[in-house]
Amino acid sequence: MRIFATRDYALSRLPFGARLFYSLFLVMVFLGLLTCLGFAFAKSGFASAALADYYRGDDSGAGAKPFVELLETAHFHLFSMPIFFLVLGHIFFLSSLGERTKLVVILAAFVALLAEIVLPWLIVYHSRAWVWLEHPTRLVLLGTFAIFIGVPLREMWWTGSDEADE
């Protein structure tokens, strides 16, 4: 833990075992993100109209998502997503990117996480017009999590990692 407390800390200088451990975690999270994408598009489709129908029901008489289902999804996301956000953000903050860049990425991820939880409620209980924000939200979420994963992996394995192996 002392390595994290120094100002000259670098992910590339972590011992091999720590880099391997973080990398395996990041790979698993990446695979989890791919399954999230699969679920999202398999359940609700790619088109905005299909998304709106998924949440609000369609003209065939299928009703909107029930309150309990929205609550269950929000509950699951509110307990699981902050853990990934915390761990990924922590590893990301140990990267050599500038502080301002890190803050922008962290805030963008937070806003996208919040929107991912709130948008279904807005679509069902306010207006199907909110559906236009679903795809941009998913893209920002995917993009920021890809940065959370890619930047540390790059720094651990392709930026001066030779000196860490000595």
C-alpha atoms as a PDB file:
ATOM      1  CA  MET A   1       0.000   0.000   0.000  1.00  0.00           C
ATOM      2  CA  ARG A   2       2.943   2.367   0.479  1.00  0.00           C
ATOM      3  CA  ILE A   3       3.407   2.573  -3.283  1.00  0.00           C
ATOM      4  CA  PHE A   4      -0.011   4.248  -3.588  1.00  0.00           C
ATOM      5  CA  ALA A   5       0.896   6.962  -1.081  1.00  0.00           C
ATOM      6  CA  THR A   6       3.873   8.347  -2.991  1.00  0.00           C
ATOM      7  CA  ARG A   7       3.644  11.286  -5.394  1.00  0.00           C
ATOM      8  CA  ASP A   8       5.783   9.518  -7.988  1.00  0.00           C
ATOM      9  CA  TYR A   9       3.481   6.519  -8.063  1.00  0.00           C
ATOM     10  CA  ALA A  10       3.113   4.855 -11.477  1.00  0.00           C
ATOM     11  CA  LEU A  11       0.965   1.924 -12.508  1.00  0.00           C
ATOM     12  CA  SER A  12       3.885   0.727 -14.615  1.00  0.00           C
ATOM     13  CA  ARG A  13       6.016   0.344 -11.475  1.00  0.00           C
ATOM     14  CA  LEU A  14       3.619  -2.008  -9.722  1.00  0.00           C
ATOM     15  CA  PRO A  15       5.043  -5.462  -9.043  1.00  0.00           C
ATOM     16  CA  PHE A  16       4.177  -8.029 -11.712  1.00  0.00           C
ATOM     17  CA  GLY A  17       1.641  -9.801  -9.476  1.00  0.00           C
ATOM     18  CA  ALA A  18      -0.260  -6.583  -8.762  1.00  0.00           C
ATOM     19  CA  ARG A  19      -0.312  -5.625 -12.458  1.00  0.00           C
ATOM     20  CA  LEU A  20      -1.557  -9.111 -13.316  1.00  0.00           C
ATOM     21  CA  PHE A  21      -4.263  -8.956 -10.618  1.00  0.00           C
ATOM     22  CA  TYR A  22      -5.507  -5.512 -11.722  1.00  0.00           C
ATOM     23  CA  SER A  23      -5.373  -6.574 -15.365  1.00  0.00           C
ATOM     24  CA  LEU A  24      -7.401  -9.723 -14.787  1.00  0.00           C
ATOM     25  CA  PHE A  25      -9.994  -7.659 -12.918  1.00  0.00           C
ATOM     26  CA  LEU A  26     -10.123  -5.115 -15.756  1.00  0.00           C
ATOM     27  CA  VAL A  27     -10.502  -7.861 -18.371  1.00  0.00           C
ATOM     28  CA  MET A  28     -13.385  -9.400 -16.421  1.00  0.00           C
ATOM     29  CA  VAL A  29     -15.095  -6.011 -16.137  1.00  0.00           C
ATOM     30  CA  PHE A  30     -14.625  -5.517 -19.888  1.00  0.00           C
ATOM     31  CA  LEU A  31     -16.275  -8.888 -20.544  1.00  0.00           C
ATOM     32  CA  GLY A  32     -19.072  -7.881 -18.164  1.00  0.00           C
ATOM     33  CA  LEU A  33     -19.571  -4.684 -20.175  1.00  0.00           C
ATOM     34  CA  LEU A  34     -19.902  -6.728 -23.340  1.00  0.00           C
ATOM     35  CA  THR A  35     -22.629  -8.826 -21.719  1.00  0.00           C
ATOM     36  CA  CYS A  36     -24.365  -5.618 -20.608  1.00  0.00           C
ATOM     37  CA  LEU A  37     -24.373  -4.441 -24.206  1.00  0.00           C
ATOM     38  CA  GLY A  38     -25.740  -7.791 -25.293  1.00  0.00           C
ATOM     39  CA  PHE A  39     -28.541  -7.620 -22.740  1.00  0.00           C
ATOM     40  CA  ALA A  40     -29.370  -4.008 -23.504  1.00  0.00           C
ATOM     41  CA  PHE A  41     -29.699  -4.478 -27.238  1.00  0.00           C
ATOM     42  CA  ALA A  42     -31.255  -7.954 -27.099  1.00  0.00           C
ATOM     43  CA  LYS A  43     -33.980  -6.751 -24.723  1.00  0.00           C
ATOM     44  CA  SER A  44     -34.687  -3.305 -26.116  1.00  0.00           C
ATOM     45  CA  GLY A  45     -33.263  -3.224 -29.642  1.00  0.00           C
ATOM     46  CA  PHE A  46     -31.161  -0.656 -31.437  1.00  0.00           C
ATOM     47  CA  ALA A  47     -33.836   1.734 -32.696  1.00  0.00           C
ATOM     48  CA  SER A  48     -35.249   4.492 -30.531  1.00  0.00           C
ATOM     49  CA  ALA A  49     -38.778   3.381 -31.339  1.00  0.00           C
ATOM     50  CA  ALA A  50     -37.968  -0.136 -30.097  1.00  0.00           C
ATOM     51  CA  LEU A  51     -36.511   1.348 -26.901  1.00  0.00           C
ATOM     52  CA  ALA A  52     -39.632   3.413 -26.323  1.00  0.00           C
ATOM     53  CA  ASP A  53     -41.823   0.344 -26.916  1.00  0.00           C
ATOM     54  CA  TYR A  54     -39.656  -1.678 -24.526  1.00  0.00           C
ATOM     55  CA  TYR A  55     -40.228   0.800 -21.692  1.00  0.00           C
ATOM     56  CA  ARG A  56     -43.703   2.170 -22.444  1.00  0.00           C
ATOM     57  CA  GLY A  57     -45.338  -0.671 -24.278  1.00  0.00           C
ATOM     58  CA  ASP A  58     -46.389  -0.725 -27.899  1.00  0.00           C
ATOM     59  CA  ASP A  59     -49.579  -0.312 -29.873  1.00  0.00           C
ATOM     60  CA  SER A  60     -50.363  -4.035 -29.554  1.00  0.00           C
ATOM     61  CA  GLY A  61     -51.648  -3.466 -26.047  1.00  0.00           C
ATOM     62  CA  ALA A  62     -48.487  -4.450 -24.185  1.00  0.00           C
ATOM     63  CA  GLY A  63     -48.315  -2.098 -21.221  1.00  0.00           C
ATOM     64  CA  ALA A  64     -45.463  -0.100 -19.797  1.00  0.00           C
ATOM     65  CA  LYS A  65     -42.812  -1.600 -17.532  1.00  0.00           C
ATOM     66  CA  PRO A  66     -44.392  -2.190 -14.131  1.00  0.00           C
ATOM     67  CA  PHE A  67     -43.299  -0.010 -11.219  1.00  0.00           C
ATOM     68  CA  VAL A  68     -41.843  -3.011  -9.344  1.00  0.00           C
ATOM     69  CA  GLU A  69     -39.708  -4.022 -12.332  1.00  0.00           C
ATOM     70  CA  LEU A  70     -38.317  -0.496 -12.660  1.00  0.00           C
ATOM     71  CA  LEU A  71     -37.680  -0.413  -8.914  1.00  0.00           C
ATOM     72  CA  GLU A  72     -35.934  -3.793  -8.988  1.00  0.00           C
ATOM     73  CA  THR A  73     -33.669  -2.701 -11.852  1.00  0.00           C
ATOM     74  CA  ALA A  74     -32.880   0.618 -10.166  1.00  0.00           C
ATOM     75  CA  HIS A  75     -32.161  -1.180  -6.876  1.00  0.00           C
ATOM     76  CA  PHE A  76     -29.763  -3.606  -8.565  1.00  0.00           C
ATOM     77  CA  HIS A  77     -27.983  -0.816 -10.448  1.00  0.00           C
ATOM     78  CA  LEU A  78     -27.745   1.427  -7.390  1.00  0.00           C
ATOM     79  CA  PHE A  79     -25.985  -1.310  -5.412  1.00  0.00           C
ATOM     80  CA  SER A  80     -23.777  -2.859  -8.098  1.00  0.00           C
ATOM     81  CA  MET A  81     -22.728   0.005 -10.373  1.00  0.00           C
ATOM     82  CA  PRO A  82     -21.224   2.212  -7.627  1.00  0.00           C
ATOM     83  CA  ILE A  83     -18.878  -0.636  -6.655  1.00  0.00           C
ATOM     84  CA  PHE A  84     -17.546  -0.922 -10.196  1.00  0.00           C
ATOM     85  CA  PHE A  85     -17.432   2.871 -10.449  1.00  0.00           C
ATOM     86  CA  LEU A  86     -15.402   3.048  -7.227  1.00  0.00           C
ATOM     87  CA  VAL A  87     -12.913   0.322  -8.106  1.00  0.00           C
ATOM     88  CA  LEU A  88     -12.464   1.326 -11.745  1.00  0.00           C
ATOM     89  CA  GLY A  89     -12.244   5.002 -10.799  1.00  0.00           C
ATOM     90  CA  HIS A  90      -9.645   4.231  -8.131  1.00  0.00           C
ATOM     91  CA  ILE A  91      -7.427   2.335 -10.565  1.00  0.00           C
ATOM     92  CA  PHE A  92      -7.992   5.041 -13.205  1.00  0.00           C
ATOM     93  CA  PHE A  93      -7.003   7.806 -10.755  1.00  0.00           C
ATOM     94  CA  LEU A  94      -3.660   6.043 -10.298  1.00  0.00           C
ATOM     95  CA  SER A  95      -2.882   6.645 -13.979  1.00  0.00           C
ATOM     96  CA  SER A  96      -0.579   9.395 -15.211  1.00  0.00           C
ATOM     97  CA  LEU A  97      -3.303  11.376 -16.995  1.00  0.00           C
ATOM     98  CA  GLY A  98      -3.759  14.968 -15.918  1.00  0.00           C
ATOM     99  CA  GLU A  99      -5.995  15.663 -12.954  1.00  0.00           C
ATOM    100  CA  ARG A 100      -8.454  17.703 -15.019  1.00  0.00           C
ATOM    101  CA  THR A 101      -8.787  14.917 -17.606  1.00  0.00           C
ATOM    102  CA  LYS A 102      -9.403  12.383 -14.857  1.00  0.00           C
ATOM    103  CA  LEU A 103     -12.096  14.569 -13.313  1.00  0.00           C
ATOM    104  CA  VAL A 104     -13.869  15.070 -16.654  1.00  0.00           C
ATOM    105  CA  VAL A 105     -13.927  11.307 -17.324  1.00  0.00           C
ATOM    106  CA  ILE A 106     -15.087  10.533 -13.756  1.00  0.00           C
ATOM    107  CA  LEU A 107     -17.872  13.141 -13.898  1.00  0.00           C
ATOM    108  CA  ALA A 108     -19.000  11.992 -17.351  1.00  0.00           C
ATOM    109  CA  ALA A 109     -19.186   8.398 -16.084  1.00  0.00           C
ATOM    110  CA  PHE A 110     -21.145   9.477 -12.999  1.00  0.00           C
ATOM    111  CA  VAL A 111     -23.663  11.491 -15.037  1.00  0.00           C
ATOM    112  CA  ALA A 112     -24.102   8.567 -17.448  1.00  0.00           C
ATOM    113  CA  LEU A 113     -24.574   6.127 -14.549  1.00  0.00           C
ATOM    114  CA  LEU A 114     -27.189   8.387 -13.015  1.00  0.00           C
ATOM    115  CA  ALA A 115     -28.945   8.853 -16.360  1.00  0.00           C
ATOM    116  CA  GLU A 116     -28.949   5.089 -16.931  1.00  0.00           C
ATOM    117  CA  ILE A 117     -30.919   4.709 -13.694  1.00  0.00           C
ATOM    118  CA  VAL A 118     -33.250   7.705 -14.121  1.00  0.00           C
ATOM    119  CA  LEU A 119     -34.101   7.500 -17.837  1.00  0.00           C
ATOM    120  CA  PRO A 120     -36.376   4.420 -17.652  1.00  0.00           C
ATOM    121  CA  TRP A 121     -38.483   6.201 -15.020  1.00  0.00           C
ATOM    122  CA  LEU A 122     -38.698   9.340 -17.147  1.00  0.00           C
ATOM    123  CA  ILE A 123     -39.598   7.347 -20.257  1.00  0.00           C
ATOM    124  CA  VAL A 124     -42.345   5.364 -18.507  1.00  0.00           C
ATOM    125  CA  TYR A 125     -43.831   8.040 -16.246  1.00  0.00           C
ATOM    126  CA  HIS A 126     -43.158  11.284 -18.090  1.00  0.00           C
ATOM    127  CA  SER A 127     -42.696  10.980 -21.845  1.00  0.00           C
ATOM    128  CA  ARG A 128     -41.367   8.628 -24.479  1.00  0.00           C
ATOM    129  CA  ALA A 129     -39.430  11.660 -25.771  1.00  0.00           C
ATOM    130  CA  TRP A 130     -36.740  10.907 -23.152  1.00  0.00           C
ATOM    131  CA  VAL A 131     -35.756   7.829 -25.141  1.00  0.00           C
ATOM    132  CA  TRP A 132     -33.460   9.913 -27.362  1.00  0.00           C
ATOM    133  CA  LEU A 133     -31.013  10.116 -24.416  1.00  0.00           C
ATOM    134  CA  GLU A 134     -30.664   6.338 -24.020  1.00  0.00           C
ATOM    135  CA  HIS A 135     -28.122   5.762 -26.804  1.00  0.00           C
ATOM    136  CA  PRO A 136     -25.907   8.763 -25.955  1.00  0.00           C
ATOM    137  CA  THR A 137     -26.007   7.704 -22.296  1.00  0.00           C
ATOM    138  CA  ARG A 138     -24.970   4.168 -23.167  1.00  0.00           C
ATOM    139  CA  LEU A 139     -22.189   5.464 -25.421  1.00  0.00           C
ATOM    140  CA  VAL A 140     -20.821   7.777 -22.722  1.00  0.00           C
ATOM    141  CA  LEU A 141     -21.020   5.001 -20.150  1.00  0.00           C
ATOM    142  CA  LEU A 142     -19.302   2.521 -22.446  1.00  0.00           C
ATOM    143  CA  GLY A 143     -16.700   5.095 -23.490  1.00  0.00           C
ATOM    144  CA  THR A 144     -15.807   6.181 -19.976  1.00  0.00           C
ATOM    145  CA  PHE A 145     -15.618   2.602 -18.715  1.00  0.00           C
ATOM    146  CA  ALA A 146     -13.419   1.742 -21.725  1.00  0.00           C
ATOM    147  CA  ILE A 147     -11.130   4.597 -20.648  1.00  0.00           C
ATOM    148  CA  PHE A 148     -11.206   3.319 -17.043  1.00  0.00           C
ATOM    149  CA  ILE A 149     -10.051  -0.046 -18.383  1.00  0.00           C
ATOM    150  CA  GLY A 150      -7.792   0.911 -21.291  1.00  0.00           C
ATOM    151  CA  VAL A 151      -5.675   3.636 -19.722  1.00  0.00           C
ATOM    152  CA  PRO A 152      -4.527   1.558 -16.717  1.00  0.00           C
ATOM    153  CA  LEU A 153      -3.890  -1.506 -18.915  1.00  0.00           C
ATOM    154  CA  ARG A 154      -1.786   0.595 -21.270  1.00  0.00           C
ATOM    155  CA  GLU A 155       0.203   2.087 -18.418  1.00  0.00           C
ATOM    156  CA  MET A 156       0.729  -1.218 -16.617  1.00  0.00           C
ATOM    157  CA  TRP A 157       1.933  -3.165 -19.656  1.00  0.00           C
ATOM    158  CA  TRP A 158       3.090  -0.769 -22.362  1.00  0.00           C
ATOM    159  CA  THR A 159       4.559   2.201 -20.481  1.00  0.00           C
ATOM    160  CA  GLY A 160       7.844   1.444 -18.775  1.00  0.00           C
ATOM    161  CA  SER A 161       6.803  -1.905 -17.331  1.00  0.00           C
ATOM    162  CA  ASP A 162      10.284  -3.363 -17.939  1.00  0.00           C
ATOM    163  CA  GLU A 163      11.671  -1.586 -14.886  1.00  0.00           C
ATOM    164  CA  ALA A 164       8.915  -3.046 -12.675  1.00  0.00           C
ATOM    165  CA  ASP A 165      10.002  -6.595 -13.492  1.00  0.00           C
ATOM    166  CA  GLU A 166      13.541  -6.066 -12.180  1.00  0.00           C
END
